[in-house]
C-alpha atoms as a PDB file:
ATOM      1  CA  MET A   1       5.960 -28.576   3.216  1.00  0.00           C
ATOM      2  CA  LYS A   2       6.869 -25.469   1.314  1.00  0.00           C
ATOM      3  CA  LYS A   3       5.081 -26.762  -1.708  1.00  0.00           C
ATOM      4  CA  VAL A   4       1.808 -27.314   0.341  1.00  0.00           C
ATOM      5  CA  LEU A   5       2.114 -23.748   1.860  1.00  0.00           C
ATOM      6  CA  LEU A   6       2.684 -22.242  -1.617  1.00  0.00           C
ATOM      7  CA  PHE A   7      -0.262 -24.303  -2.970  1.00  0.00           C
ATOM      8  CA  VAL A   8      -2.471 -23.021  -0.096  1.00  0.00           C
ATOM      9  CA  ALA A   9      -1.355 -19.342  -0.467  1.00  0.00           C
ATOM     10  CA  VAL A  10      -2.141 -19.279  -4.255  1.00  0.00           C
ATOM     11  CA  PHE A  11      -5.575 -20.460  -3.837  1.00  0.00           C
ATOM     12  CA  TYR A  12      -6.304 -18.561  -0.785  1.00  0.00           C
ATOM     13  CA  LEU A  13      -5.218 -15.293  -2.532  1.00  0.00           C
ATOM     14  CA  SER A  14      -6.697 -15.926  -6.027  1.00  0.00           C
ATOM     15  CA  PRO A  15     -10.383 -14.692  -5.137  1.00  0.00           C
ATOM     16  CA  ILE A  16      -8.741 -11.209  -4.272  1.00  0.00           C
ATOM     17  CA  SER A  17      -7.065 -11.026  -7.780  1.00  0.00           C
ATOM     18  CA  GLU A  18     -10.547 -11.952  -9.517  1.00  0.00           C
ATOM     19  CA  ALA A  19     -12.163  -8.888  -7.885  1.00  0.00           C
ATOM     20  CA  GLN A  20     -10.740  -6.652 -10.778  1.00  0.00           C
ATOM     21  CA  CYS A  21     -12.317  -7.126 -14.152  1.00  0.00           C
ATOM     22  CA  PRO A  22     -12.570  -5.311 -17.652  1.00  0.00           C
ATOM     23  CA  MET A  23     -16.190  -4.133 -16.888  1.00  0.00           C
ATOM     24  CA  CYS A  24     -14.877  -2.386 -13.715  1.00  0.00           C
ATOM     25  CA  LYS A  25     -12.193  -0.492 -15.949  1.00  0.00           C
ATOM     26  CA  THR A  26     -14.790   0.426 -18.290  1.00  0.00           C
ATOM     27  CA  ALA A  27     -17.153   1.870 -15.630  1.00  0.00           C
ATOM     28  CA  VAL A  28     -14.410   3.749 -13.954  1.00  0.00           C
ATOM     29  CA  GLU A  29     -13.200   5.244 -17.184  1.00  0.00           C
ATOM     30  CA  SER A  30     -16.655   6.336 -18.088  1.00  0.00           C
ATOM     31  CA  ALA A  31     -17.064   7.905 -14.695  1.00  0.00           C
ATOM     32  CA  ARG A  32     -13.680   9.710 -15.032  1.00  0.00           C
ATOM     33  CA  LYS A  33     -14.997  11.209 -18.436  1.00  0.00           C
ATOM     34  CA  ASP A  34     -18.100  12.510 -16.589  1.00  0.00           C
ATOM     35  CA  GLY A  35     -15.860  14.035 -13.886  1.00  0.00           C
ATOM     36  CA  LYS A  36     -17.007  11.736 -11.223  1.00  0.00           C
ATOM     37  CA  GLY A  37     -14.794   9.672  -8.937  1.00  0.00           C
ATOM     38  CA  HIS A  38     -11.371  10.579 -10.462  1.00  0.00           C
ATOM     39  CA  SER A  39      -9.215   9.545  -7.553  1.00  0.00           C
ATOM     40  CA  LYS A  40     -11.046   6.279  -7.201  1.00  0.00           C
ATOM     41  CA  GLY A  41     -10.861   5.443 -10.739  1.00  0.00           C
ATOM     42  CA  ALA A  42      -7.027   6.174 -11.053  1.00  0.00           C
ATOM     43  CA  GLY A  43      -6.541   3.849  -7.982  1.00  0.00           C
ATOM     44  CA  LEU A  44      -8.615   1.048  -9.539  1.00  0.00           C
ATOM     45  CA  ASN A  45      -6.839   1.326 -12.784  1.00  0.00           C
ATOM     46  CA  ASP A  46      -3.430   1.237 -11.048  1.00  0.00           C
ATOM     47  CA  GLY A  47      -4.775  -2.056  -9.266  1.00  0.00           C
ATOM     48  CA  ILE A  48      -5.606  -3.449 -12.612  1.00  0.00           C
ATOM     49  CA  LEU A  49      -2.182  -2.770 -13.985  1.00  0.00           C
ATOM     50  CA  TYR A  50      -0.526  -4.229 -10.853  1.00  0.00           C
ATOM     51  CA  LEU A  51      -2.526  -7.504 -11.195  1.00  0.00           C
ATOM     52  CA  LEU A  52      -1.594  -7.586 -14.910  1.00  0.00           C
ATOM     53  CA  ALA A  53       2.190  -7.046 -14.350  1.00  0.00           C
ATOM     54  CA  THR A  54       2.611  -9.495 -11.296  1.00  0.00           C
ATOM     55  CA  PRO A  55       2.507 -12.748 -13.411  1.00  0.00           C
ATOM     56  CA  TYR A  56       4.913 -11.638 -15.985  1.00  0.00           C
ATOM     57  CA  LEU A  57       7.415 -10.360 -13.290  1.00  0.00           C
ATOM     58  CA  ALA A  58       7.033 -13.637 -11.609  1.00  0.00           C
ATOM     59  CA  VAL A  59       7.783 -15.565 -14.772  1.00  0.00           C
ATOM     60  CA  ALA A  60      10.764 -13.144 -15.561  1.00  0.00           C
ATOM     61  CA  ILE A  61      12.229 -13.591 -12.083  1.00  0.00           C
ATOM     62  CA  VAL A  62      12.108 -17.367 -12.040  1.00  0.00           C
ATOM     63  CA  GLY A  63      13.144 -17.635 -15.708  1.00  0.00           C
ATOM     64  CA  GLY A  64      16.219 -15.356 -14.903  1.00  0.00           C
ATOM     65  CA  ALA A  65      17.146 -17.317 -11.780  1.00  0.00           C
ATOM     66  CA  TRP A  66      16.907 -20.608 -13.944  1.00  0.00           C
ATOM     67  CA  PHE A  67      19.167 -19.124 -16.587  1.00  0.00           C
ATOM     68  CA  TYR A  68      21.845 -17.742 -14.246  1.00  0.00           C
ATOM     69  CA  ASN A  69      21.806 -20.956 -12.332  1.00  0.00           C
ATOM     70  CA  LYS A  70      22.268 -23.087 -15.565  1.00  0.00           C
ATOM     71  CA  LYS A  71      24.914 -20.691 -16.881  1.00  0.00           C
ATOM     72  CA  LYS A  72      26.706 -20.900 -13.440  1.00  0.00           C
ATOM     73  CA  ARG A  73      26.757 -24.723 -13.755  1.00  0.00           C
ATOM     74  CA  ARG A  74      28.242 -24.624 -17.129  1.00  0.00           C
ATOM     75  CA  ILE A  75      31.185 -22.333 -16.120  1.00  0.00           C
ATOM     76  CA  GLY A  76      31.864 -24.072 -12.642  1.00  0.00           C
END
């Protein structure tokens, strides 16, 4: 049941993550250079960085848990 819920959650949330794109970042950066929309541009860029970092953090957490679990089994 947990796997099904995780599967549904991943595919339900994936369209939200597709809303950010490199063209958006380019458009916002050019608007920042012109002096327009500075606060909106900074927020959008932060969102892009957040979406970029999330998969790496998830892999690091799962890998760390796997490593420590395997290490614990060898000792005990």
